[in-house]
Amino acid sequence: MGGMNSATWNVRLGDTRWVAKAVPQGEPEKQFHYGLRLSVQVENAGLLAGAPVPSSAGHLTTAVGDHALALLRWVAGRELQGHSASDTALMGATLARVHRILGTEPVTPGEAWSQFDLLADSRDDAALYLRPWIRPAIEAVTARLRRLRPETLTWGPVHGDPAPEHFRLDPTTGTCGLIDWGAASFKPRIYDVATAVMDAEGPDGAQALLRAYLDQDALPRAEIERALTPILDFRYAINTLYYAGRILHGDVTGVDTPAGNEQRLDEARQWLT
């Protein structure tokens, strides 16, 4: 078993391999289904995405106790590396192809802001006060996002967590896939780009990634130049509240020790302060 927000298992039968993934029913299940549908769309367009194998009844998941369980196709290949220029270029090109497959959708100013108002969710109140720097940093990020006007960005379905370990390069075919759609949502495309940049050691280390992404015409250069830093702020703000919440609740799933949560929170602090 493993996984940050889910339970996952390797599954083998003879020479065939899959991944089984379970999430709690309710809101986590809704997001899980959304990501599964996107992975099917991407695979139908010719890119590997670890899409689910339908059940005998044709469903993407099956209820097991109070969880929803999916059986995902195994995508062979190696994980990409965020410190490698060639790998980050492949990340950028693959992410852009995925975005073009998923398409765009219009959004109203109210719908857009509902995705970015980090201070509106009362569940984050305790996390906001875990450290003295957190609330002022979140308020500053929120002010910058209002000036950005998120509704002016290019919106559509996004992967949500295009980290290097979620890309798979098959060395025999040279094809690259994008797996693990559990964080998929409807957001600006620049959200995915900022996440990939964050995991590629920041804007300076992600120049190859950004050039490769731009070459695929998934976003205008002007939009990336205008929005990348404010959305990076937002990504680090999300990490701040997420890891602060994990520290408050003693949640160490997906990390070796509680120090793993503290490390990620400190990375966010360094960026935001």
Protein backbone atom coordinates (compact mmCIF):
# COMPACT_ATOMS: atom_id res chain seq x y z
CA MET A 1 0.00 0.00 0.00
CA GLY A 2 1.05 3.56 -0.61
CA GLY A 3 -0.23 6.93 -1.75
CA MET A 4 -0.69 10.39 -0.21
CA ASN A 5 -4.49 10.70 -0.42
CA SER A 6 -5.46 7.16 -1.40
CA ALA A 7 -4.54 3.52 -0.99
CA THR A 8 -2.75 1.90 -3.93
CA TRP A 9 -1.50 -1.60 -4.71
CA ASN A 10 0.52 -3.24 -7.44
CA VAL A 11 -1.47 -6.05 -9.07
CA ARG A 12 0.01 -8.86 -11.16
CA LEU A 13 -1.43 -11.81 -13.03
CA GLY A 14 1.18 -13.72 -15.00
CA ASP A 15 3.04 -11.16 -17.11
CA THR A 16 0.28 -8.54 -16.88
CA ARG A 17 0.42 -5.72 -14.38
CA TRP A 18 -2.03 -3.09 -13.11
CA VAL A 19 -2.41 -0.61 -10.26
CA ALA A 20 -5.41 -0.83 -7.92
CA LYS A 21 -6.39 2.46 -6.32
CA ALA A 22 -9.03 3.15 -3.67
CA VAL A 23 -10.37 6.46 -2.36
CA PRO A 24 -13.08 7.19 0.23
CA GLN A 25 -16.60 7.59 -1.09
CA GLY A 26 -18.11 11.08 -1.17
CA GLU A 27 -16.19 14.14 -2.35
CA PRO A 28 -12.88 12.24 -2.89
CA GLU A 29 -14.76 9.77 -5.09
CA LYS A 30 -16.22 12.57 -7.23
CA GLN A 31 -12.77 13.96 -7.98
CA PHE A 32 -11.47 10.43 -8.54
CA HIS A 33 -14.16 9.79 -11.17
CA TYR A 34 -13.43 13.13 -12.84
CA GLY A 35 -9.76 12.24 -13.20
CA LEU A 36 -10.56 8.73 -14.41
CA ARG A 37 -12.77 10.12 -17.19
CA LEU A 38 -10.01 12.51 -18.24
CA SER A 39 -7.48 9.67 -18.36
CA VAL A 40 -9.81 7.73 -20.66
CA GLN A 41 -10.12 10.78 -22.92
CA VAL A 42 -6.34 11.17 -23.09
CA GLU A 43 -5.75 7.48 -23.85
CA ASN A 44 -8.45 7.51 -26.53
CA ALA A 45 -6.47 10.32 -28.19
CA GLY A 46 -3.32 8.18 -28.26
CA LEU A 47 -1.33 9.17 -25.14
CA LEU A 48 -0.78 6.72 -22.28
CA ALA A 49 -2.52 7.85 -19.09
CA GLY A 50 -3.05 4.81 -16.87
CA ALA A 51 -6.77 4.76 -17.63
CA PRO A 52 -9.07 2.40 -15.69
CA VAL A 53 -10.13 -1.03 -16.86
CA PRO A 54 -13.96 -1.04 -16.83
CA SER A 55 -15.66 -3.48 -14.48
CA SER A 56 -17.74 -6.35 -15.85
CA ALA A 57 -20.74 -4.02 -15.50
CA GLY A 58 -18.97 -1.28 -17.46
CA HIS A 59 -18.20 0.99 -14.50
CA LEU A 60 -14.89 2.81 -13.91
CA THR A 61 -14.95 1.98 -10.19
CA THR A 62 -16.45 -0.62 -7.87
CA ALA A 63 -17.64 -0.02 -4.32
CA VAL A 64 -15.59 -1.91 -1.72
CA GLY A 65 -16.78 -1.12 1.77
CA ASP A 66 -16.80 2.66 2.08
CA HIS A 67 -14.27 3.13 -0.74
CA ALA A 68 -14.36 3.35 -4.52
CA LEU A 69 -11.83 1.01 -6.15
CA ALA A 70 -10.44 1.27 -9.69
CA LEU A 71 -8.11 -1.02 -11.58
CA LEU A 72 -5.70 1.12 -13.62
CA ARG A 73 -3.65 0.07 -16.61
CA TRP A 74 0.06 -0.12 -15.89
CA VAL A 75 2.16 2.34 -17.92
CA ALA A 76 5.63 0.96 -18.46
CA GLY A 77 8.74 3.14 -18.45
CA ARG A 78 10.84 5.25 -16.13
CA GLU A 79 9.86 8.29 -14.13
CA LEU A 80 11.20 11.58 -15.43
CA GLN A 81 13.65 13.67 -13.40
CA GLY A 82 12.97 17.27 -12.44
CA HIS A 83 16.68 18.20 -12.52
CA SER A 84 17.29 16.96 -16.09
CA ALA A 85 16.88 19.48 -18.94
CA SER A 86 15.98 16.75 -21.43
CA ASP A 87 13.42 15.24 -19.07
CA THR A 88 11.83 18.57 -18.19
CA ALA A 89 11.57 19.40 -21.91
CA LEU A 90 9.71 16.12 -22.39
CA MET A 91 7.48 17.02 -19.45
CA GLY A 92 6.60 20.35 -21.05
CA ALA A 93 5.86 18.86 -24.46
CA THR A 94 3.77 16.01 -23.01
CA LEU A 95 1.80 18.32 -20.72
CA ALA A 96 1.00 20.62 -23.63
CA ARG A 97 -0.25 17.68 -25.71
CA VAL A 98 -2.45 16.58 -22.81
CA HIS A 99 -3.90 20.08 -22.48
CA ARG A 100 -4.69 20.26 -26.18
CA ILE A 101 -6.49 16.90 -25.95
CA LEU A 102 -8.56 18.03 -22.96
CA GLY A 103 -9.62 21.32 -24.56
CA THR A 104 -10.82 24.58 -23.01
CA GLU A 105 -14.07 25.80 -21.46
CA PRO A 106 -15.42 29.28 -20.70
CA VAL A 107 -15.62 30.50 -17.11
CA THR A 108 -17.36 33.39 -15.36
CA PRO A 109 -15.49 35.70 -12.94
CA GLY A 110 -17.40 34.19 -10.02
CA GLU A 111 -16.63 30.62 -11.05
CA ALA A 112 -12.98 31.52 -11.55
CA TRP A 113 -12.55 33.21 -8.20
CA SER A 114 -14.23 30.32 -6.36
CA GLN A 115 -11.18 28.22 -7.32
CA PHE A 116 -8.71 30.73 -5.89
CA ASP A 117 -10.22 32.18 -2.69
CA LEU A 118 -8.04 30.41 -0.13
CA LEU A 119 -9.53 32.41 2.75
CA ALA A 120 -13.15 31.40 2.09
CA ASP A 121 -12.95 27.82 3.39
CA SER A 122 -13.39 27.73 7.15
CA ARG A 123 -11.82 24.27 7.27
CA ASP A 124 -8.46 25.96 6.73
CA ASP A 125 -8.76 28.27 9.76
CA ALA A 126 -6.60 26.19 12.09
CA ALA A 127 -3.96 25.70 9.41
CA LEU A 128 -3.83 29.46 8.81
CA TYR A 129 -2.60 29.99 12.38
CA LEU A 130 -0.23 27.03 12.73
CA ARG A 131 2.75 29.35 12.12
CA PRO A 132 2.82 33.18 12.44
CA TRP A 133 3.82 33.68 8.80
CA ILE A 134 1.04 31.61 7.21
CA ARG A 135 -2.00 33.90 7.27
CA PRO A 136 -0.10 37.06 6.13
CA ALA A 137 1.44 35.05 3.29
CA ILE A 138 -1.94 33.65 2.19
CA GLU A 139 -3.50 37.13 2.31
CA ALA A 140 -0.71 38.52 0.12
CA VAL A 141 -1.13 35.68 -2.40
CA THR A 142 -4.89 36.31 -2.51
CA ALA A 143 -4.35 40.01 -3.24
CA ARG A 144 -1.97 39.21 -6.12
CA LEU A 145 -4.47 36.75 -7.57
CA ARG A 146 -7.23 39.36 -7.54
CA ARG A 147 -4.99 41.69 -9.53
CA LEU A 148 -4.28 38.85 -11.98
CA ARG A 149 -8.04 38.37 -12.64
CA PRO A 150 -8.12 34.57 -13.02
CA GLU A 151 -11.14 34.67 -15.33
CA THR A 152 -8.89 36.14 -18.04
CA LEU A 153 -6.76 32.98 -18.17
CA THR A 154 -7.23 29.89 -20.37
CA TRP A 155 -9.42 27.41 -18.46
CA GLY A 156 -10.13 23.72 -18.96
CA PRO A 157 -9.64 20.29 -17.40
CA VAL A 158 -6.15 19.93 -15.89
CA HIS A 159 -4.15 17.02 -14.50
CA GLY A 160 -3.60 18.82 -11.20
CA ASP A 161 -0.27 17.26 -10.22
CA PRO A 162 2.07 16.84 -13.23
CA ALA A 163 5.10 16.08 -11.06
CA PRO A 164 8.11 14.35 -12.67
CA GLU A 165 7.22 11.00 -11.10
CA HIS A 166 3.84 11.02 -12.85
CA PHE A 167 5.40 11.06 -16.33
CA ARG A 168 6.45 7.71 -17.81
CA LEU A 169 9.00 7.44 -20.62
CA ASP A 170 9.11 4.11 -22.47
CA PRO A 171 12.76 3.82 -23.60
CA THR A 172 11.93 1.23 -26.24
CA THR A 173 9.33 3.36 -28.05
CA GLY A 174 10.33 6.87 -26.94
CA THR A 175 6.71 7.61 -26.01
CA CYS A 176 5.84 9.50 -22.82
CA GLY A 177 2.66 9.14 -20.80
CA LEU A 178 1.12 10.99 -17.85
CA ILE A 179 -0.44 8.94 -15.05
CA ASP A 180 -2.09 9.42 -11.62
CA TRP A 181 -5.12 11.64 -12.28
CA GLY A 182 -6.32 11.79 -8.69
CA ALA A 183 -5.82 15.57 -8.42
CA ALA A 184 -7.55 16.43 -11.70
CA SER A 185 -9.88 19.43 -11.70
CA PHE A 186 -11.19 22.35 -13.75
CA LYS A 187 -8.66 25.18 -13.55
CA PRO A 188 -6.49 27.43 -15.73
CA ARG A 189 -3.91 25.52 -17.76
CA ILE A 190 -1.21 27.66 -16.18
CA TYR A 191 -2.00 25.85 -12.90
CA ASP A 192 -0.55 22.64 -14.36
CA VAL A 193 2.37 24.55 -15.85
CA ALA A 194 3.17 26.18 -12.50
CA THR A 195 2.99 22.81 -10.74
CA ALA A 196 5.44 21.30 -13.23
CA VAL A 197 7.73 24.32 -12.87
CA MET A 198 7.62 24.06 -9.07
CA ASP A 199 8.70 20.42 -9.25
CA ALA A 200 11.44 21.20 -11.79
CA GLU A 201 13.34 23.30 -9.23
CA GLY A 202 11.60 26.58 -10.03
CA PRO A 203 11.48 28.95 -13.03
CA ASP A 204 15.25 29.06 -13.50
CA GLY A 205 15.49 25.27 -13.65
CA ALA A 206 12.40 24.90 -15.83
CA GLN A 207 13.43 26.90 -18.90
CA ALA A 208 13.58 23.78 -21.10
CA LEU A 209 10.15 22.75 -19.84
CA LEU A 210 8.64 26.15 -20.62
CA ARG A 211 10.19 26.30 -24.10
CA ALA A 212 8.90 22.82 -24.96
CA TYR A 213 5.44 23.68 -23.65
CA LEU A 214 5.31 26.90 -25.66
CA ASP A 215 6.37 25.07 -28.83
CA GLN A 216 3.10 23.10 -28.68
CA ASP A 217 0.94 26.29 -28.69
CA ALA A 218 -1.13 25.21 -25.69
CA LEU A 219 -0.90 28.73 -24.15
CA PRO A 220 0.18 32.15 -25.43
CA ARG A 221 3.61 33.26 -24.26
CA ALA A 222 2.11 36.46 -22.88
CA GLU A 223 -0.22 34.50 -20.60
CA ILE A 224 2.65 32.47 -19.17
CA GLU A 225 4.75 35.59 -18.62
CA ARG A 226 1.86 37.36 -16.89
CA ALA A 227 0.49 34.52 -14.80
CA LEU A 228 3.29 32.08 -13.95
CA THR A 229 4.59 33.80 -10.81
CA PRO A 230 1.15 34.55 -9.25
CA ILE A 231 0.03 30.97 -9.90
CA LEU A 232 3.30 29.64 -8.48
CA ASP A 233 2.46 31.70 -5.38
CA PHE A 234 -0.94 30.02 -5.34
CA ARG A 235 0.57 26.54 -5.66
CA TYR A 236 2.88 27.18 -2.72
CA ALA A 237 -0.04 28.61 -0.76
CA ILE A 238 -2.01 25.42 -1.39
CA ASN A 239 0.97 23.38 -0.20
CA THR A 240 1.19 25.58 2.89
CA LEU A 241 -2.39 24.88 3.94
CA TYR A 242 -2.19 21.22 2.95
CA TYR A 243 0.95 20.39 4.91
CA ALA A 244 -0.07 22.60 7.83
CA GLY A 245 -3.28 20.59 7.99
CA ARG A 246 -1.36 17.32 7.88
CA ILE A 247 0.86 18.51 10.74
CA LEU A 248 -2.18 19.50 12.80
CA HIS A 249 -3.80 16.10 12.33
CA GLY A 250 -0.63 14.03 12.58
CA ASP A 251 -1.14 12.67 9.04
CA VAL A 252 2.01 10.93 7.82
CA THR A 253 0.54 8.89 4.96
CA GLY A 254 2.84 9.06 1.95
CA VAL A 255 5.85 10.33 3.94
CA ASP A 256 8.42 8.45 6.00
CA THR A 257 8.18 10.58 9.16
CA PRO A 258 6.42 13.75 10.40
CA ALA A 259 9.58 15.61 9.34
CA GLY A 260 8.47 15.10 5.72
CA ASN A 261 5.45 17.35 6.29
CA GLU A 262 7.63 19.94 8.05
CA GLN A 263 10.10 19.93 5.16
CA ARG A 264 7.41 20.59 2.56
CA LEU A 265 5.89 23.34 4.71
CA ASP A 266 9.31 24.99 5.02
CA GLU A 267 9.79 24.84 1.24
CA ALA A 268 6.55 26.78 0.87
CA ARG A 269 7.64 29.28 3.52
CA GLN A 270 10.90 29.95 1.71
CA TRP A 271 9.05 30.76 -1.50
CA LEU A 272 6.25 32.83 0.02
CA THR A 273 8.25 34.83 2.55
